[in-house]
Structure formats: structure tokens, C-alpha cells
Amino acid sequence: THHKLEMPHVMACPNCGSPVLRHRVCGECGNYRGKVAIDKSNQS
């Protein structure tokens, strides 16, 4: 049988530029589609 493995679709976050999976919240800045989804300013 043939097992095809696909690479994950990684793009740069438009806000901070860090690599992030498509359709996911950025782990560095917490933005998704130009909006703040997770407030990372008060987290340590």
C-alpha cells in the first residue's frame, strides 16, 4: 500500500511574523485573523 504523508501548512503570523499553523491562533502573540484571541500581555 501507499501511505502519503503531507506537510503541515505553516505560514507566518501577520502580526508578529512567527511561524503558525493555518487556521490556528498564534502561540506567540495570541492573534487570529487580525484580532486578539488570547490576551498574552498579563501571562508570565
Protein backbone atom coordinates (compact mmCIF):
# COMPACT_ATOMS: atom_id res chain seq x y z
CA THR A 1 0.00 0.00 0.00
CA HIS A 2 0.97 3.60 -0.44
CA HIS A 3 0.92 5.96 2.53
CA LYS A 4 1.09 9.58 1.57
CA LEU A 5 2.28 11.99 4.24
CA GLU A 6 1.52 15.66 3.81
CA MET A 7 3.49 18.52 5.28
CA PRO A 8 1.53 20.79 7.63
CA HIS A 9 0.55 24.16 6.16
CA VAL A 10 2.71 26.64 8.05
CA MET A 11 2.55 30.38 7.43
CA ALA A 12 3.96 33.49 9.09
CA CYS A 13 1.77 35.32 11.59
CA PRO A 14 0.77 38.67 10.03
CA ASN A 15 1.10 40.40 13.41
CA CYS A 16 4.44 39.15 14.79
CA GLY A 17 5.91 37.05 11.96
CA SER A 18 6.37 33.83 13.93
CA PRO A 19 5.52 30.51 12.23
CA VAL A 20 1.97 29.32 12.90
CA LEU A 21 -0.26 26.59 11.50
CA ARG A 22 -3.02 27.83 9.22
CA HIS A 23 -6.40 28.50 10.86
CA ARG A 24 -4.87 28.48 14.34
CA VAL A 25 -4.24 31.16 16.98
CA CYS A 26 -0.64 32.36 17.06
CA GLY A 27 1.16 30.97 20.10
CA GLU A 28 3.47 33.98 20.41
CA CYS A 29 1.12 36.97 20.22
CA GLY A 30 -2.34 35.34 20.57
CA ASN A 31 -3.81 36.91 17.41
CA TYR A 32 -6.10 35.21 14.90
CA ARG A 33 -7.21 36.91 11.67
CA GLY A 34 -6.20 40.35 12.93
CA LYS A 35 -8.00 40.11 16.27
CA VAL A 36 -6.72 39.33 19.76
CA ALA A 37 -7.99 35.85 20.60
CA ILE A 38 -5.80 35.29 23.67
CA ASP A 39 -4.53 38.17 25.80
CA LYS A 40 -0.86 37.33 26.32
CA SER A 41 0.11 40.68 27.90
CA ASN A 42 -0.50 39.60 31.52
CA GLN A 43 0.69 35.98 31.25
CA SER A 44 4.14 35.01 32.50
